[in-house]
Amino acid sequence: MDRKYWIGRMDASVTMARGSMNGNARRAGGAAASQGSGRAGRPSRRAPMSSTFRKSKAPRLAPDEQVRQGQVVTLAHSGLPDMEAVRDFLNTHHDGLGGRPLDVATASDAGLRAVEAVIGEMRNGR
C-alpha cells in the first residue's frame, strides 16, 4: 500500500512503499535514510539535546577590566595597519611590557598607559 507524505510547505508529495524506511525517514521525506544512520535500518543513538545553555566556566572580567580591554583593542586597531597585526601584537609576549599587552592593559590603568605608549611608539615608527 502506498502513502503520500507532504514535504514542508511544498506542493509536491513523495510516494513511498509502506515499511520501506524507518519512521524518522518517512517524516523527513526520506532525508534521514540517505544520511547513513550507522546501522542498516536503525537510527543512530545520540544523546538528547539539552534545552538550556550552559554557562562558560571561564573566569569573567570585572567591569573596569572590560573597559580597559575595549580601550586597548580600539587603540591597537587605530594604531596598527590591519587586524592580523592587532591580534599578533595583543596576544604575543612583549619584552618591554613583561607580558602579553592585552593582559598588561587589562590588569591596571598603569598597564593600559604602558601599552598606549608602546602603540604610540609603533605608530611613530620607533
C-alpha atoms as a PDB file:
ATOM      1  CA  MET A   1       0.000   0.000   0.000  1.00  0.00           C
ATOM      2  CA  ASP A   2       1.389   3.394  -0.981  1.00  0.00           C
ATOM      3  CA  ARG A   3       1.058   6.554   1.108  1.00  0.00           C
ATOM      4  CA  LYS A   4       1.688  10.187   0.286  1.00  0.00           C
ATOM      5  CA  TYR A   5       3.698  12.407   2.641  1.00  0.00           C
ATOM      6  CA  TRP A   6       3.857  16.164   2.343  1.00  0.00           C
ATOM      7  CA  ILE A   7       7.262  17.848   2.486  1.00  0.00           C
ATOM      8  CA  GLY A   8       7.069  21.130   4.391  1.00  0.00           C
ATOM      9  CA  ARG A   9       5.022  23.702   2.501  1.00  0.00           C
ATOM     10  CA  MET A  10       5.928  22.383  -0.907  1.00  0.00           C
ATOM     11  CA  ASP A  11       3.136  21.467  -3.281  1.00  0.00           C
ATOM     12  CA  ALA A  12       4.801  18.180  -4.214  1.00  0.00           C
ATOM     13  CA  SER A  13       4.401  14.938  -2.339  1.00  0.00           C
ATOM     14  CA  VAL A  14       6.573  11.869  -2.041  1.00  0.00           C
ATOM     15  CA  THR A  15       5.075   8.416  -2.543  1.00  0.00           C
ATOM     16  CA  MET A  16       6.724   5.611  -0.594  1.00  0.00           C
ATOM     17  CA  ALA A  17       6.040   1.945  -0.177  1.00  0.00           C
ATOM     18  CA  ARG A  18       4.886   1.150   3.327  1.00  0.00           C
ATOM     19  CA  GLY A  19       7.689  -0.148   5.539  1.00  0.00           C
ATOM     20  CA  SER A  20      10.482   0.817   3.150  1.00  0.00           C
ATOM     21  CA  MET A  21      12.009   3.361   5.560  1.00  0.00           C
ATOM     22  CA  ASN A  22      12.082   3.863   9.287  1.00  0.00           C
ATOM     23  CA  GLY A  23       9.630   6.332  10.869  1.00  0.00           C
ATOM     24  CA  ASN A  24      12.084   9.254  11.036  1.00  0.00           C
ATOM     25  CA  ALA A  25      12.975   8.912   7.373  1.00  0.00           C
ATOM     26  CA  ARG A  26       9.297   8.880   6.383  1.00  0.00           C
ATOM     27  CA  ARG A  27       8.588  12.029   8.384  1.00  0.00           C
ATOM     28  CA  ALA A  28      11.644  13.783   6.923  1.00  0.00           C
ATOM     29  CA  GLY A  29      10.732  12.874   3.366  1.00  0.00           C
ATOM     30  CA  GLY A  30      13.476  10.290   3.002  1.00  0.00           C
ATOM     31  CA  ALA A  31      16.375  12.520   4.084  1.00  0.00           C
ATOM     32  CA  ALA A  32      17.285  10.517   7.184  1.00  0.00           C
ATOM     33  CA  ALA A  33      17.620   7.262   5.278  1.00  0.00           C
ATOM     34  CA  SER A  34      20.137   8.731   2.842  1.00  0.00           C
ATOM     35  CA  GLN A  35      22.375  10.201   5.560  1.00  0.00           C
ATOM     36  CA  GLY A  36      23.756   6.863   6.715  1.00  0.00           C
ATOM     37  CA  SER A  37      22.237   6.209  10.100  1.00  0.00           C
ATOM     38  CA  GLY A  38      25.039   3.972  11.281  1.00  0.00           C
ATOM     39  CA  ARG A  39      23.471   0.523  11.221  1.00  0.00           C
ATOM     40  CA  ALA A  40      21.275  -0.601   8.376  1.00  0.00           C
ATOM     41  CA  GLY A  41      17.678   0.234   9.145  1.00  0.00           C
ATOM     42  CA  ARG A  42      18.340   1.545  12.653  1.00  0.00           C
ATOM     43  CA  PRO A  43      18.713   5.198  13.575  1.00  0.00           C
ATOM     44  CA  SER A  44      21.948   6.180  15.324  1.00  0.00           C
ATOM     45  CA  ARG A  45      21.770   6.703  19.085  1.00  0.00           C
ATOM     46  CA  ARG A  46      22.743  10.185  20.152  1.00  0.00           C
ATOM     47  CA  ALA A  47      22.494  11.886  23.496  1.00  0.00           C
ATOM     48  CA  PRO A  48      19.398  14.058  23.714  1.00  0.00           C
ATOM     49  CA  MET A  49      19.968  17.753  23.086  1.00  0.00           C
ATOM     50  CA  SER A  50      19.761  19.972  26.129  1.00  0.00           C
ATOM     51  CA  SER A  51      17.159  22.697  26.014  1.00  0.00           C
ATOM     52  CA  THR A  52      19.204  25.030  28.218  1.00  0.00           C
ATOM     53  CA  PHE A  53      22.518  26.751  27.617  1.00  0.00           C
ATOM     54  CA  ARG A  54      25.412  26.072  29.932  1.00  0.00           C
ATOM     55  CA  LYS A  55      27.363  28.967  31.345  1.00  0.00           C
ATOM     56  CA  SER A  56      31.021  29.081  30.462  1.00  0.00           C
ATOM     57  CA  LYS A  57      33.403  28.095  33.227  1.00  0.00           C
ATOM     58  CA  ALA A  58      35.948  30.653  32.016  1.00  0.00           C
ATOM     59  CA  PRO A  59      36.548  33.469  34.504  1.00  0.00           C
ATOM     60  CA  ARG A  60      34.762  36.699  33.677  1.00  0.00           C
ATOM     61  CA  LEU A  61      36.425  40.090  33.644  1.00  0.00           C
ATOM     62  CA  ALA A  62      35.400  42.741  36.144  1.00  0.00           C
ATOM     63  CA  PRO A  63      33.611  45.755  34.620  1.00  0.00           C
ATOM     64  CA  ASP A  64      36.690  48.008  34.871  1.00  0.00           C
ATOM     65  CA  GLU A  65      38.826  45.308  33.225  1.00  0.00           C
ATOM     66  CA  GLN A  66      36.268  45.016  30.417  1.00  0.00           C
ATOM     67  CA  VAL A  67      36.501  48.766  29.789  1.00  0.00           C
ATOM     68  CA  ARG A  68      40.316  48.689  29.688  1.00  0.00           C
ATOM     69  CA  GLN A  69      40.269  45.681  27.366  1.00  0.00           C
ATOM     70  CA  GLY A  70      37.946  47.515  24.979  1.00  0.00           C
ATOM     71  CA  GLN A  71      40.134  50.618  25.101  1.00  0.00           C
ATOM     72  CA  VAL A  72      43.363  48.748  24.335  1.00  0.00           C
ATOM     73  CA  VAL A  73      41.780  46.881  21.427  1.00  0.00           C
ATOM     74  CA  THR A  74      40.445  50.161  19.997  1.00  0.00           C
ATOM     75  CA  LEU A  75      43.864  51.827  20.412  1.00  0.00           C
ATOM     76  CA  ALA A  76      45.663  48.914  18.769  1.00  0.00           C
ATOM     77  CA  HIS A  77      43.176  48.899  15.911  1.00  0.00           C
ATOM     78  CA  SER A  78      43.683  52.612  15.276  1.00  0.00           C
ATOM     79  CA  GLY A  79      47.477  52.394  15.546  1.00  0.00           C
ATOM     80  CA  LEU A  80      48.252  49.214  13.619  1.00  0.00           C
ATOM     81  CA  PRO A  81      47.762  48.561   9.894  1.00  0.00           C
ATOM     82  CA  ASP A  82      45.411  45.537   9.922  1.00  0.00           C
ATOM     83  CA  MET A  83      43.523  43.131  12.174  1.00  0.00           C
ATOM     84  CA  GLU A  84      46.180  40.430  11.901  1.00  0.00           C
ATOM     85  CA  ALA A  85      48.783  42.873  13.233  1.00  0.00           C
ATOM     86  CA  VAL A  86      46.395  43.855  16.055  1.00  0.00           C
ATOM     87  CA  ARG A  87      45.848  40.196  17.066  1.00  0.00           C
ATOM     88  CA  ASP A  88      49.554  39.422  16.872  1.00  0.00           C
ATOM     89  CA  PHE A  89      50.522  42.454  18.951  1.00  0.00           C
ATOM     90  CA  LEU A  90      47.897  41.989  21.665  1.00  0.00           C
ATOM     91  CA  ASN A  91      48.393  38.229  22.086  1.00  0.00           C
ATOM     92  CA  THR A  92      52.183  37.886  21.795  1.00  0.00           C
ATOM     93  CA  HIS A  93      54.592  38.361  24.709  1.00  0.00           C
ATOM     94  CA  HIS A  94      56.192  41.833  24.600  1.00  0.00           C
ATOM     95  CA  ASP A  95      59.566  42.100  26.352  1.00  0.00           C
ATOM     96  CA  GLY A  96      59.191  45.834  27.086  1.00  0.00           C
ATOM     97  CA  LEU A  97      55.873  45.250  28.867  1.00  0.00           C
ATOM     98  CA  GLY A  98      56.806  41.984  30.536  1.00  0.00           C
ATOM     99  CA  GLY A  99      53.808  40.057  29.227  1.00  0.00           C
ATOM    100  CA  ARG A 100      51.045  39.997  26.663  1.00  0.00           C
ATOM    101  CA  PRO A 101      49.889  43.573  26.004  1.00  0.00           C
ATOM    102  CA  LEU A 102      46.248  42.531  26.366  1.00  0.00           C
ATOM    103  CA  ASP A 103      46.872  41.097  29.841  1.00  0.00           C
ATOM    104  CA  VAL A 104      49.039  44.036  30.930  1.00  0.00           C
ATOM    105  CA  ALA A 105      46.468  46.628  29.809  1.00  0.00           C
ATOM    106  CA  THR A 106      43.542  44.744  31.312  1.00  0.00           C
ATOM    107  CA  ALA A 107      45.212  44.336  34.711  1.00  0.00           C
ATOM    108  CA  SER A 108      45.556  48.032  35.656  1.00  0.00           C
ATOM    109  CA  ASP A 109      45.341  51.631  34.480  1.00  0.00           C
ATOM    110  CA  ALA A 110      49.149  51.879  34.635  1.00  0.00           C
ATOM    111  CA  GLY A 111      49.395  48.834  32.362  1.00  0.00           C
ATOM    112  CA  LEU A 112      46.926  50.427  29.930  1.00  0.00           C
ATOM    113  CA  ARG A 113      49.063  53.592  29.809  1.00  0.00           C
ATOM    114  CA  ALA A 114      52.210  51.498  29.201  1.00  0.00           C
ATOM    115  CA  VAL A 115      50.549  49.660  26.290  1.00  0.00           C
ATOM    116  CA  GLU A 116      49.297  53.009  24.919  1.00  0.00           C
ATOM    117  CA  ALA A 117      52.891  54.257  24.944  1.00  0.00           C
ATOM    118  CA  VAL A 118      54.130  51.188  23.050  1.00  0.00           C
ATOM    119  CA  ILE A 119      51.364  51.548  20.462  1.00  0.00           C
ATOM    120  CA  GLY A 120      52.283  55.249  20.102  1.00  0.00           C
ATOM    121  CA  GLU A 121      55.928  54.301  19.503  1.00  0.00           C
ATOM    122  CA  MET A 122      54.887  51.713  16.924  1.00  0.00           C
ATOM    123  CA  ARG A 123      52.662  54.283  15.186  1.00  0.00           C
ATOM    124  CA  ASN A 124      55.525  56.809  15.011  1.00  0.00           C
ATOM    125  CA  GLY A 125      57.904  54.159  13.692  1.00  0.00           C
ATOM    126  CA  ARG A 126      60.323  53.992  16.632  1.00  0.00           C
END
